[in-house]
Amino acid sequence: MTIKTTTTRRRFLSGSAALLAAPAILRSTRAYGATPTIRVGHVSPRTGPLAGFAEADDYILQAVSERLSGGIENNGKMWSVEIISKDSQSNPNRAAEVASELILSDEVDIIVAASTPDTVNPVSDQAEVNEVPCVTTDCPWQPYFFGRGGNPDSGFESTYHFFWGLEDVIGAFLAMWDGAGVSKSVGGLFPNDADGNAWGDAELGLPKPLAAAGYTLTDPGRYQPMSDDFSNQIAAFKEAGCDIVTGNMIPPDFGTFWSQAAQQGFAPKIVTIGKALLFPSVIEGLGTRGFGLSSEVWWSPHHPFSSSLTGASSADLAHGYTAASGRPWTQPIGFKHALFEVVADVIARADDLDDPQAITSAIAGTNLQTIVGPVDWSKGPVKNVTKTPLVAGQWQKDGDGIDLKIVANATAPEIATTGELQLLG
């Protein structure tokens, strides 16, 4: 489907642009005639267990397409921008397949992807082998970099990533737990996937820094995603007297664990889970047992950043999405938008848009203030990776609904807290 659009900044900021059904191709109004076109491929999990990460895709893609409908000027020439979006179906093999289609059949000039290693790693691998400039986000940098066999001394040639790392999520979690008055006995839930193996890794994951901070981690070993029985993990946590449970899970797995924990009389005082507890729909589905659960907070309406592309504040973007969709804001919205901020900036700065290496060089030279914070690949921590700020939050009852309160910000004090940690039970 080809969508021809026009836009005004006011329309984007207000969020009044209607949501459109899963656009496959969004093309600017200048895509014809003598105006050259640069094609941007986009991959995300529209369907499957990771679909929550792509909930706002239609809104972001439509708004960005409208904002870029007049094209982007590069070296005195206007270029149209065509965005071709494809669904990974939450499957790494499918992500690689559609990335290959975008590169070899659609002949995209830049490819972007988001939403966990299951999406960003296979897309990045396809881009790297085909020497296509690539930007990704929404995945801790260690499973992105080391999960792809990255060497800190050499890095990658064509693929770049912006997000936070495991050291940041550990710091945010510790800032939230310290002083809570509970025992420092932690139960770990790590699936046998790229995220879980990175989070639970003895050298690069949670075990060492937790031990250094005086916490004892009980790790019963990797479980298979979509497991229907967490009895062994629950028994191990009960025996160890775990007051805290942490880990990285997809929503269905956490729902199963949390239900079985109640049935088996396991009642930790703090439950801080990455990935699964990002989305209000998941918390609402847990009923009253969703109150008090906690997670990392990548982005929120309270983050003090604005879009380089539209001038919209974090609050503008979040509230615009809610006004347009009738649904609560979610954390990936900011990072999906920031992907296209980077793309637009790179298109404007590249020395030669007909040369993939020039585009890649422009990505590497990015120094941009975005709606999720600064993106600057000159600052590491390794080649091809730059980090964004991270804080910790808790889902708390707010009137008749729920709200994600930022309860610990020691790792990023520029992001204000909006509440205090409450113990479960």
Foldseek 3Di string as FASTA:
>chain_A
DEDEAADDLVCLLQLQDAFDPPDQKYWAPPPDDPAAEAEEEEEEACADLQNVLCPCVRSLVVSLSNLCNVAADAPNGGYIYMYGYDHQNLALVSLLVVLLCCCPPVVHQEYEYETECSRQQSNQVNCQVVVHAYEYEHYAVCLNAVVNVHDLVPGTQRFFYEAHHQVQQLVQVCLQPPPPPDALEEEEAAAPDSQRCQQPPCPRHDPPVSVVVPHHYDYPDHDHAPDQDPPVSLVSCVVRVHLEYEYEHRQVVVLNVLVVCVVVVNAHFAYEYEHNLQDQVSLVVSPPVSAQYKYKAQAAQQQQAAAPSSRHASVSQQNSSCVNPVDGGTRSSQVVNVVVSLVSQLNHHFPDSVDSSSSSVSSQQDFDGHNRGTDHQVPDVGHSYDYTHMHMWGWHDDPPGIDTFGAGQPRPVSRPTDDHRGTDD
